[in-house]
Structure formats: C-alpha cells, structure tokens
Amino acid sequence: MTYDHNCPYVDSYHQYINRHAGQAALNLTTRAQEMFIETYHRSNTCPDTHDERGYPTTEWEEFVELTRD
C-alpha cells in the first residue's frame, strides 16, 4: 500500500486478504481493492465511512460491497 496510516478501508482490506489467503482468484480482486483505496487516498487522507447522521457514505458502501465474501 502506498499510504501507511490508520484507516478503516485498509483494515477492512487486510481482513479480506486474511480470509481469502491462498485462493487463486484473489489477485484480481485484491488489485481492484488496492486501486479503490489508492483512488480515495491520493491526498493521504481517509474518506469518511459514515456521515454526520451515522449513515454509511457512498465510498464505504462501495468498498464494503467490493470486499463482501
């Protein structure tokens, strides 16, 4: 990962990797996840996972869908 900082996106990504370690199809999925994280971290900041009302942001919902089992 390019950005080394505490981030719920990266934490979720690592959990996904750990759940699927050793699977052949993992490479394409993990590359898509890395690109997603890189896109939202270009300014070295984490996008919010939830808004002020406690609802998930669009970015977080998309990422959760991407890392769904």
N, C-alpha and C. Protein backbone atom coordinates (compact mmCIF):
# COMPACT_ATOMS: atom_id res chain seq x y z
N MET A 1 0.84 -1.18 0.00
CA MET A 1 0.00 0.00 0.00
C MET A 1 0.88 1.25 0.00
N THR A 2 0.47 2.22 -0.72
CA THR A 2 1.23 3.47 -0.81
C THR A 2 1.13 4.28 0.47
N TYR A 3 -0.03 4.26 1.11
CA TYR A 3 -0.24 5.10 2.27
C TYR A 3 -0.26 4.25 3.54
N ASP A 4 0.67 4.55 4.42
CA ASP A 4 0.79 3.79 5.66
C ASP A 4 0.23 4.62 6.81
N HIS A 5 -1.05 4.47 7.08
CA HIS A 5 -1.69 5.18 8.18
C HIS A 5 -2.92 4.40 8.62
N ASN A 6 -3.42 4.71 9.80
CA ASN A 6 -4.62 4.02 10.30
C ASN A 6 -5.80 4.37 9.42
N CYS A 7 -6.50 3.37 8.97
CA CYS A 7 -7.58 3.60 8.03
C CYS A 7 -8.55 2.42 8.04
N PRO A 8 -9.84 2.67 8.18
CA PRO A 8 -10.81 1.57 8.18
C PRO A 8 -10.86 0.84 6.84
N TYR A 9 -10.55 1.53 5.74
CA TYR A 9 -10.53 0.89 4.44
C TYR A 9 -9.39 -0.12 4.36
N VAL A 10 -8.22 0.29 4.80
CA VAL A 10 -7.07 -0.61 4.77
C VAL A 10 -7.27 -1.76 5.75
N ASP A 11 -7.82 -1.48 6.92
CA ASP A 11 -8.10 -2.54 7.89
C ASP A 11 -9.06 -3.57 7.30
N SER A 12 -10.11 -3.10 6.66
CA SER A 12 -11.09 -3.99 6.03
C SER A 12 -10.44 -4.80 4.91
N TYR A 13 -9.59 -4.15 4.15
CA TYR A 13 -8.86 -4.80 3.06
C TYR A 13 -7.98 -5.93 3.60
N HIS A 14 -7.26 -5.67 4.67
CA HIS A 14 -6.39 -6.68 5.26
C HIS A 14 -7.21 -7.85 5.81
N GLN A 15 -8.35 -7.58 6.40
CA GLN A 15 -9.22 -8.66 6.88
C GLN A 15 -9.68 -9.53 5.71
N TYR A 16 -10.00 -8.89 4.60
CA TYR A 16 -10.42 -9.64 3.41
C TYR A 16 -9.28 -10.53 2.92
N ILE A 17 -8.09 -9.97 2.85
CA ILE A 17 -6.91 -10.74 2.41
C ILE A 17 -6.70 -11.95 3.31
N ASN A 18 -6.79 -11.74 4.60
CA ASN A 18 -6.59 -12.84 5.55
C ASN A 18 -7.65 -13.92 5.40
N ARG A 19 -8.89 -13.54 5.12
CA ARG A 19 -9.96 -14.52 4.95
C ARG A 19 -9.76 -15.37 3.70
N HIS A 20 -9.12 -14.80 2.69
CA HIS A 20 -9.02 -15.47 1.40
C HIS A 20 -7.60 -15.83 1.00
N ALA A 21 -6.71 -15.85 1.94
CA ALA A 21 -5.32 -16.17 1.64
C ALA A 21 -5.22 -17.54 0.96
N GLY A 22 -4.42 -17.60 -0.08
CA GLY A 22 -4.19 -18.86 -0.78
C GLY A 22 -5.15 -19.14 -1.91
N GLN A 23 -6.14 -18.31 -2.13
CA GLN A 23 -7.07 -18.55 -3.23
C GLN A 23 -6.52 -17.96 -4.52
N ALA A 24 -6.60 -18.71 -5.59
CA ALA A 24 -6.03 -18.30 -6.87
C ALA A 24 -6.69 -17.05 -7.44
N ALA A 25 -7.98 -16.90 -7.27
CA ALA A 25 -8.71 -15.77 -7.84
C ALA A 25 -8.52 -14.48 -7.05
N LEU A 26 -7.77 -14.54 -6.00
CA LEU A 26 -7.61 -13.39 -5.13
C LEU A 26 -6.88 -12.24 -5.81
N ASN A 27 -5.96 -12.52 -6.71
CA ASN A 27 -5.14 -11.47 -7.31
C ASN A 27 -5.94 -10.38 -7.99
N LEU A 28 -6.92 -10.72 -8.80
CA LEU A 28 -7.72 -9.70 -9.49
C LEU A 28 -8.54 -8.89 -8.50
N THR A 29 -9.12 -9.56 -7.54
CA THR A 29 -9.94 -8.87 -6.55
C THR A 29 -9.09 -7.93 -5.71
N THR A 30 -7.94 -8.39 -5.26
CA THR A 30 -7.11 -7.54 -4.42
C THR A 30 -6.58 -6.35 -5.20
N ARG A 31 -6.29 -6.53 -6.48
CA ARG A 31 -5.83 -5.39 -7.28
C ARG A 31 -6.95 -4.35 -7.39
N ALA A 32 -8.18 -4.78 -7.56
CA ALA A 32 -9.31 -3.85 -7.62
C ALA A 32 -9.45 -3.10 -6.31
N GLN A 33 -9.27 -3.80 -5.21
CA GLN A 33 -9.37 -3.16 -3.90
C GLN A 33 -8.24 -2.15 -3.69
N GLU A 34 -7.04 -2.51 -4.10
CA GLU A 34 -5.91 -1.59 -3.97
C GLU A 34 -6.16 -0.33 -4.78
N MET A 35 -6.67 -0.49 -5.99
CA MET A 35 -6.96 0.67 -6.83
C MET A 35 -8.03 1.55 -6.18
N PHE A 36 -9.04 0.93 -5.58
CA PHE A 36 -10.10 1.68 -4.90
C PHE A 36 -9.50 2.51 -3.77
N ILE A 37 -8.68 1.89 -2.93
CA ILE A 37 -8.07 2.59 -1.81
C ILE A 37 -7.16 3.71 -2.31
N GLU A 38 -6.36 3.42 -3.32
CA GLU A 38 -5.45 4.43 -3.86
C GLU A 38 -6.24 5.64 -4.39
N THR A 39 -7.35 5.39 -5.07
CA THR A 39 -8.16 6.47 -5.62
C THR A 39 -8.63 7.42 -4.54
N TYR A 40 -9.07 6.88 -3.41
CA TYR A 40 -9.60 7.71 -2.35
C TYR A 40 -8.55 8.22 -1.36
N HIS A 41 -7.30 7.83 -1.56
CA HIS A 41 -6.25 8.25 -0.64
C HIS A 41 -5.17 9.08 -1.31
N ARG A 42 -5.44 9.62 -2.46
CA ARG A 42 -4.41 10.39 -3.17
C ARG A 42 -3.92 11.58 -2.38
N SER A 43 -4.77 12.17 -1.57
CA SER A 43 -4.36 13.31 -0.75
C SER A 43 -3.84 12.87 0.61
N ASN A 44 -3.62 11.55 0.77
CA ASN A 44 -3.13 10.97 2.02
C ASN A 44 -4.10 11.19 3.18
N THR A 45 -5.38 11.19 2.86
CA THR A 45 -6.42 11.28 3.88
C THR A 45 -7.44 10.18 3.64
N CYS A 46 -8.07 9.73 4.69
CA CYS A 46 -9.08 8.68 4.57
C CYS A 46 -10.46 9.30 4.37
N PRO A 47 -11.20 8.81 3.40
CA PRO A 47 -12.59 9.29 3.29
C PRO A 47 -13.40 8.77 4.48
N ASP A 48 -14.43 9.50 4.83
CA ASP A 48 -15.29 9.08 5.93
C ASP A 48 -16.00 7.78 5.58
N THR A 49 -16.24 6.97 6.60
CA THR A 49 -17.03 5.76 6.40
C THR A 49 -18.51 6.02 6.65
N HIS A 50 -18.80 7.01 7.50
CA HIS A 50 -20.18 7.35 7.82
C HIS A 50 -20.35 8.86 7.87
N ASP A 51 -21.55 9.32 7.57
CA ASP A 51 -21.82 10.76 7.60
C ASP A 51 -22.21 11.19 9.01
N GLU A 52 -22.55 12.46 9.15
CA GLU A 52 -22.87 13.01 10.48
C GLU A 52 -24.11 12.39 11.10
N ARG A 53 -24.96 11.77 10.28
CA ARG A 53 -26.16 11.10 10.81
C ARG A 53 -25.90 9.65 11.17
N GLY A 54 -24.69 9.16 10.85
CA GLY A 54 -24.36 7.77 11.15
C GLY A 54 -24.64 6.82 10.00
N TYR A 55 -25.06 7.35 8.86
CA TYR A 55 -25.31 6.51 7.69
C TYR A 55 -24.01 6.30 6.91
N PRO A 56 -23.84 5.11 6.31
CA PRO A 56 -22.62 4.85 5.54
C PRO A 56 -22.51 5.80 4.35
N THR A 57 -21.29 6.23 4.07
CA THR A 57 -21.05 7.04 2.89
C THR A 57 -21.06 6.15 1.66
N THR A 58 -21.21 6.75 0.51
CA THR A 58 -21.20 6.01 -0.75
C THR A 58 -19.89 5.26 -0.93
N GLU A 59 -18.78 5.93 -0.61
CA GLU A 59 -17.47 5.29 -0.75
C GLU A 59 -17.36 4.04 0.12
N TRP A 60 -17.84 4.14 1.34
CA TRP A 60 -17.77 3.00 2.26
C TRP A 60 -18.68 1.87 1.78
N GLU A 61 -19.88 2.19 1.34
CA GLU A 61 -20.79 1.16 0.83
C GLU A 61 -20.18 0.44 -0.36
N GLU A 62 -19.55 1.19 -1.26
CA GLU A 62 -18.92 0.58 -2.44
C GLU A 62 -17.78 -0.33 -2.02
N PHE A 63 -17.00 0.11 -1.06
CA PHE A 63 -15.87 -0.70 -0.62
C PHE A 63 -16.33 -1.95 0.10
N VAL A 64 -17.35 -1.83 0.93
CA VAL A 64 -17.90 -3.00 1.63
C VAL A 64 -18.43 -4.00 0.60
N GLU A 65 -19.08 -3.52 -0.43
CA GLU A 65 -19.58 -4.42 -1.48
C GLU A 65 -18.42 -5.12 -2.19
N LEU A 66 -17.36 -4.39 -2.43
CA LEU A 66 -16.19 -4.95 -3.10
C LEU A 66 -15.52 -6.03 -2.27
N THR A 67 -15.54 -5.90 -0.96
CA THR A 67 -14.87 -6.86 -0.09
C THR A 67 -15.82 -7.90 0.52
N ARG A 68 -17.04 -7.92 0.03
CA ARG A 68 -18.01 -8.88 0.53
C ARG A 68 -17.59 -10.29 0.14
N ASP A 69 -17.82 -11.25 1.02
CA ASP A 69 -17.50 -12.66 0.73
C ASP A 69 -18.48 -13.27 -0.22
